[in-house]
């Protein structure tokens, strides 16, 4: 039986996603957004962005190197 093929890049993405979602929800509530769905969407958008950013930083530069 073979397990899932998780990498450390997945850890950085999901960690950033969870942190960004929490920060986004908190900021949306502080800004006075009262609709819970809108608050969650704002949080998830920030979470996806932060997760992607952290994963790209972790992965390093992509493409051919000019050495």
Protein backbone atom coordinates (compact mmCIF):
# COMPACT_ATOMS: atom_id res chain seq x y z
CA UNK A 1 0.00 0.00 0.00
CA UNK A 2 1.38 3.37 -1.04
CA UNK A 3 0.80 6.56 0.96
CA UNK A 4 0.11 10.04 -0.33
CA UNK A 5 2.88 11.88 -2.12
CA UNK A 6 3.07 14.96 0.08
CA UNK A 7 6.08 17.24 -0.13
CA UNK A 8 7.39 20.08 2.02
CA UNK A 9 6.00 22.49 -0.58
CA UNK A 10 2.53 21.24 0.40
CA UNK A 11 3.30 22.08 4.02
CA UNK A 12 4.24 25.64 3.11
CA UNK A 13 1.14 26.09 0.92
CA UNK A 14 -1.35 24.73 3.45
CA UNK A 15 0.32 26.50 6.36
CA UNK A 16 0.10 29.79 4.47
CA UNK A 17 -3.48 29.06 3.46
CA UNK A 18 -4.59 28.43 7.04
CA UNK A 19 -2.70 31.45 8.41
CA UNK A 20 -3.92 33.72 5.61
CA UNK A 21 -7.51 32.61 6.03
CA UNK A 22 -7.39 33.35 9.74
CA UNK A 23 -5.80 36.75 9.18
CA UNK A 24 -8.25 37.60 6.38
CA UNK A 25 -11.31 36.68 8.45
CA UNK A 26 -10.01 38.69 11.40
CA UNK A 27 -9.29 41.74 9.21
CA UNK A 28 -12.68 41.52 7.49
CA UNK A 29 -14.44 41.45 10.87
CA UNK A 30 -12.38 44.43 12.10
CA UNK A 31 -13.33 46.34 8.93
CA UNK A 32 -17.01 45.78 9.75
CA UNK A 33 -18.01 43.14 7.20
CA UNK A 34 -21.10 41.56 8.76
CA UNK A 35 -21.93 38.90 6.17
CA UNK A 36 -20.23 35.65 7.18
CA UNK A 37 -19.98 34.30 3.64
CA UNK A 38 -18.26 37.47 2.41
CA UNK A 39 -15.96 37.36 5.43
CA UNK A 40 -15.02 33.76 4.65
CA UNK A 41 -14.47 34.54 0.95
CA UNK A 42 -12.15 37.43 1.86
CA UNK A 43 -10.25 35.16 4.23
CA UNK A 44 -9.97 32.35 1.70
CA UNK A 45 -8.76 34.72 -1.02
CA UNK A 46 -6.04 36.00 1.28
CA UNK A 47 -5.25 32.42 2.32
CA UNK A 48 -4.83 31.21 -1.24
CA UNK A 49 -2.62 34.18 -2.05
CA UNK A 50 -0.41 33.75 1.01
CA UNK A 51 -0.21 29.98 0.51
CA UNK A 52 0.84 30.42 -3.11
CA UNK A 53 3.40 33.06 -2.17
CA UNK A 54 4.98 30.91 0.55
CA UNK A 55 5.07 27.84 -1.70
CA UNK A 56 6.78 29.82 -4.48
CA UNK A 57 9.32 31.27 -2.02
CA UNK A 58 10.03 27.77 -0.71
CA UNK A 59 10.37 26.26 -4.20
CA UNK A 60 12.89 28.88 -5.30
CA UNK A 61 13.45 30.14 -8.83
CA UNK A 62 12.05 28.05 -11.64
CA UNK A 63 13.32 27.68 -15.17
CA UNK A 64 16.78 27.44 -16.72
CA UNK A 65 19.70 28.88 -14.81
CA UNK A 66 22.22 31.06 -16.66
CA UNK A 67 25.44 29.95 -14.97
